[in-house]
Amino acid sequence: MSNEFSGGGAAPPFQPPSHSGGPNPPATSPAPLGDLKDKVAEDLSAARDTIKEGADAAVVKVKDSISEQTNFAARHVGGIASALEKVGSELERSDQPEVGRYARRIGSSVQSFAKQMEGRDLGEVATMAEDFGRKQPLAFLGIAALAGLAASRFLTASANRSTSAGSRRAPQATQESSLKSGGPANG
C-alpha cells in the first residue's frame, strides 16, 4: 500500500488561479491609485481656498460693520461734546464761570476726540480712549459721569414707562368689573 501523504505531512502550497486574459483583471494597478490621490489633493486644495475666501469675506464684512459703528459712536460723542460746550458757555455767562470754563474745555477736548475716532477701527479707538484718559483725566471722568447719568436716566424712564403702562391697565380692568357687577359694594 502506498502512502499518499508520505511527503512529510505538508500539503503543497496554495497557488491562486491565473487571470491572464480573464474577465476580471487585477485591481492592483498603480496608475488609477495615483490619479485618485491627485484628485483628492486637488479637491482638498479647492475646498481650503473656498473656505479661506469665505473667511476673508466675513472678516471684511465685520470690519465694515465695526467701522460703521465706530463712526456712529463718533457722531454721538461729538453730540455730547457739543452739548457740554453749550452748557459750559451758559455756565460761564451765569454765576458759575469756573465750572462753565471746565465744562467748555471738556466739551472741546471730547469734540477733538470724536473727530479723531472717525474712520478708525475698534482697537485704535480703544487705544485712543486710553491715551485720552491719561492726557485728559478730568474730561475722561466727566464723560464717564455723563454716560452714567444718561444711562441711569434712560433706565429710570424705561422703568417708569413700564410701571405706568401696567397701572393704566389695572384701573381699566377694575372699572370694567365694577360696571359688570353693579359696583364694588353691590357685588
Protein backbone atom coordinates (compact mmCIF):
# COMPACT_ATOMS: atom_id res chain seq x y z
CA MET A 1 0.00 0.00 0.00
CA SER A 2 1.34 3.28 -0.88
CA ASN A 3 1.13 6.19 1.44
CA GLU A 4 -0.21 9.20 -0.36
CA PHE A 5 0.71 11.51 2.46
CA SER A 6 4.31 10.47 2.79
CA GLY A 7 5.70 13.79 1.64
CA GLY A 8 6.46 14.88 5.18
CA GLY A 9 2.87 15.59 6.06
CA ALA A 10 2.86 19.02 4.41
CA ALA A 11 0.41 19.97 1.73
CA PRO A 12 1.62 21.65 -1.40
CA PRO A 13 1.46 25.48 -1.23
CA PHE A 14 -1.72 27.18 -2.46
CA GLN A 15 -1.42 28.87 -5.79
CA PRO A 16 -4.21 31.21 -6.88
CA PRO A 17 -5.64 30.73 -10.34
CA SER A 18 -4.10 32.78 -13.11
CA HIS A 19 -6.15 35.70 -14.51
CA SER A 20 -4.36 36.20 -17.73
CA GLY A 21 -6.94 37.31 -20.23
CA GLY A 22 -9.87 36.51 -17.91
CA PRO A 23 -12.96 38.70 -17.38
CA ASN A 24 -11.73 40.15 -14.03
CA PRO A 25 -8.32 41.86 -14.39
CA PRO A 26 -6.39 42.58 -11.17
CA ALA A 27 -7.06 45.99 -9.48
CA THR A 28 -3.54 46.50 -8.23
CA SER A 29 -2.52 48.88 -10.98
CA PRO A 30 -0.60 51.90 -9.54
CA ALA A 31 -1.85 54.42 -12.14
CA PRO A 32 -5.53 54.67 -11.03
CA LEU A 33 -4.50 54.93 -7.35
CA GLY A 34 -2.11 57.79 -8.12
CA ASP A 35 -4.82 59.57 -10.11
CA LEU A 36 -7.22 59.20 -7.18
CA LYS A 37 -4.67 60.68 -4.77
CA ASP A 38 -4.10 63.63 -7.10
CA LYS A 39 -7.84 64.23 -7.43
CA VAL A 40 -8.34 64.15 -3.64
CA ALA A 41 -5.43 66.57 -3.17
CA GLU A 42 -6.93 68.93 -5.76
CA ASP A 43 -10.35 68.76 -4.10
CA LEU A 44 -8.86 69.46 -0.67
CA SER A 45 -6.93 72.40 -2.05
CA ALA A 46 -10.05 73.81 -3.72
CA ALA A 47 -12.07 73.37 -0.51
CA ARG A 48 -9.32 75.06 1.51
CA ASP A 49 -9.26 78.00 -0.93
CA THR A 50 -13.06 78.34 -0.83
CA ILE A 51 -13.09 78.35 2.97
CA LYS A 52 -10.29 80.94 3.05
CA GLU A 53 -12.16 83.19 0.61
CA GLY A 54 -15.35 82.89 2.68
CA ALA A 55 -13.49 83.68 5.88
CA ASP A 56 -11.80 86.68 4.27
CA ALA A 57 -15.17 87.98 3.07
CA ALA A 58 -16.63 87.55 6.56
CA VAL A 59 -13.71 89.44 8.11
CA VAL A 60 -14.20 92.29 5.65
CA LYS A 61 -17.92 92.46 6.49
CA VAL A 62 -17.20 92.50 10.22
CA LYS A 63 -14.59 95.24 9.81
CA ASP A 64 -17.02 97.31 7.73
CA SER A 65 -19.72 96.88 10.36
CA ILE A 66 -17.34 97.86 13.16
CA SER A 67 -16.21 100.88 11.15
CA GLU A 68 -19.84 101.95 10.71
CA GLN A 69 -20.47 101.50 14.44
CA THR A 70 -17.33 103.47 15.27
CA ASN A 71 -18.46 106.34 13.04
CA PHE A 72 -21.91 106.18 14.66
CA ALA A 73 -20.32 106.35 18.12
CA ALA A 74 -18.08 109.21 16.99
CA ARG A 75 -21.13 111.22 15.89
CA HIS A 76 -22.82 110.63 19.25
CA VAL A 77 -19.69 111.50 21.20
CA GLY A 78 -19.48 114.66 19.09
CA GLY A 79 -23.09 115.47 20.02
CA ILE A 80 -22.32 115.04 23.70
CA ALA A 81 -19.26 117.26 23.27
CA SER A 82 -21.37 119.98 21.64
CA ALA A 83 -23.85 119.79 24.49
CA LEU A 84 -21.01 120.10 27.02
CA GLU A 85 -19.64 123.13 25.20
CA LYS A 86 -23.09 124.79 25.21
CA VAL A 87 -23.60 124.05 28.90
CA GLY A 88 -20.13 125.41 29.60
CA SER A 89 -20.86 128.61 27.70
CA GLU A 90 -24.13 129.11 29.58
CA LEU A 91 -22.48 128.48 32.93
CA GLU A 92 -19.69 130.94 32.09
CA ARG A 93 -22.30 133.64 31.50
CA SER A 94 -24.17 132.77 34.68
CA ASP A 95 -22.99 132.74 38.28
CA GLN A 96 -20.56 129.77 37.85
CA PRO A 97 -17.90 130.90 35.35
CA GLU A 98 -15.21 128.46 36.54
CA VAL A 99 -17.46 125.43 36.24
CA GLY A 100 -18.55 126.69 32.84
CA ARG A 101 -14.97 127.08 31.69
CA TYR A 102 -14.16 123.49 32.75
CA ALA A 103 -17.29 122.17 31.05
CA ARG A 104 -16.46 124.04 27.85
CA ARG A 105 -12.87 122.74 27.89
CA ILE A 106 -14.10 119.21 28.48
CA GLY A 107 -16.52 119.63 25.59
CA SER A 108 -13.82 120.85 23.21
CA SER A 109 -11.49 118.00 24.25
CA VAL A 110 -14.23 115.46 23.71
CA GLN A 111 -15.06 117.06 20.35
CA SER A 112 -11.47 116.62 19.16
CA PHE A 113 -11.53 113.02 20.41
CA ALA A 114 -14.76 112.40 18.47
CA LYS A 115 -13.19 113.77 15.28
CA GLN A 116 -10.18 111.50 15.75
CA MET A 117 -12.46 108.48 16.25
CA GLU A 118 -14.00 108.68 12.79
CA GLY A 119 -12.72 106.09 10.34
CA ARG A 120 -10.73 104.16 12.95
CA ASP A 121 -11.07 100.52 13.85
CA LEU A 122 -12.08 99.32 17.29
CA GLY A 123 -8.54 98.61 18.51
CA GLU A 124 -7.38 102.08 17.56
CA VAL A 125 -10.38 103.67 19.29
CA ALA A 126 -9.66 101.70 22.48
CA THR A 127 -6.03 102.86 22.41
CA MET A 128 -7.17 106.43 21.79
CA ALA A 129 -9.57 106.23 24.74
CA GLU A 130 -6.75 105.01 27.00
CA ASP A 131 -4.48 107.83 25.84
CA PHE A 132 -7.28 110.36 26.22
CA GLY A 133 -7.90 109.15 29.78
CA ARG A 134 -4.22 109.59 30.62
CA LYS A 135 -3.86 113.01 28.98
CA GLN A 136 -7.26 114.45 29.97
CA PRO A 137 -8.32 112.68 33.18
CA LEU A 138 -10.84 115.39 34.09
CA ALA A 139 -12.52 115.19 30.69
CA PHE A 140 -12.46 111.40 30.82
CA LEU A 141 -14.10 111.36 34.25
CA GLY A 142 -16.62 113.96 33.08
CA ILE A 143 -17.60 111.79 30.13
CA ALA A 144 -17.87 108.75 32.38
CA ALA A 145 -20.11 110.68 34.78
CA LEU A 146 -22.29 111.93 31.94
CA ALA A 147 -22.56 108.44 30.47
CA GLY A 148 -23.58 107.08 33.87
CA LEU A 149 -26.13 109.85 34.32
CA ALA A 150 -27.57 109.26 30.85
CA ALA A 151 -27.76 105.51 31.44
CA SER A 152 -29.48 105.92 34.81
CA ARG A 153 -32.00 108.39 33.38
CA PHE A 154 -32.71 106.06 30.49
CA LEU A 155 -33.23 103.09 32.80
CA THR A 156 -35.37 105.14 35.19
CA ALA A 157 -37.52 106.44 32.33
CA SER A 158 -37.92 102.92 30.96
CA ALA A 159 -38.93 101.58 34.36
CA ASN A 160 -41.43 104.42 34.89
CA ARG A 161 -42.93 103.84 31.47
CA SER A 162 -43.44 100.11 32.04
CA THR A 163 -44.84 100.70 35.55
CA SER A 164 -47.26 103.37 34.37
CA ALA A 165 -48.39 101.16 31.47
CA GLY A 166 -49.15 98.36 33.93
CA SER A 167 -51.02 100.69 36.29
CA ARG A 168 -53.09 102.10 33.40
CA ARG A 169 -54.35 98.63 32.57
CA ALA A 170 -55.29 97.76 36.13
CA PRO A 171 -57.78 100.63 36.73
CA GLN A 172 -59.43 99.94 33.39
CA ALA A 173 -59.95 96.30 34.34
CA THR A 174 -61.30 97.34 37.75
CA GLN A 175 -63.66 99.81 36.09
CA GLU A 176 -64.98 97.15 33.71
CA SER A 177 -65.57 94.69 36.55
CA SER A 178 -67.38 97.38 38.52
CA LEU A 179 -69.70 98.04 35.59
CA LYS A 180 -70.49 94.35 35.13
CA SER A 181 -71.12 93.61 38.78
CA GLY A 182 -73.07 96.72 39.67
CA GLY A 183 -70.24 98.38 41.58
CA PRO A 184 -67.71 97.33 44.17
CA ALA A 185 -70.13 97.50 47.09
CA ASN A 186 -73.09 95.86 45.38
CA GLY A 187 -71.19 92.69 44.42
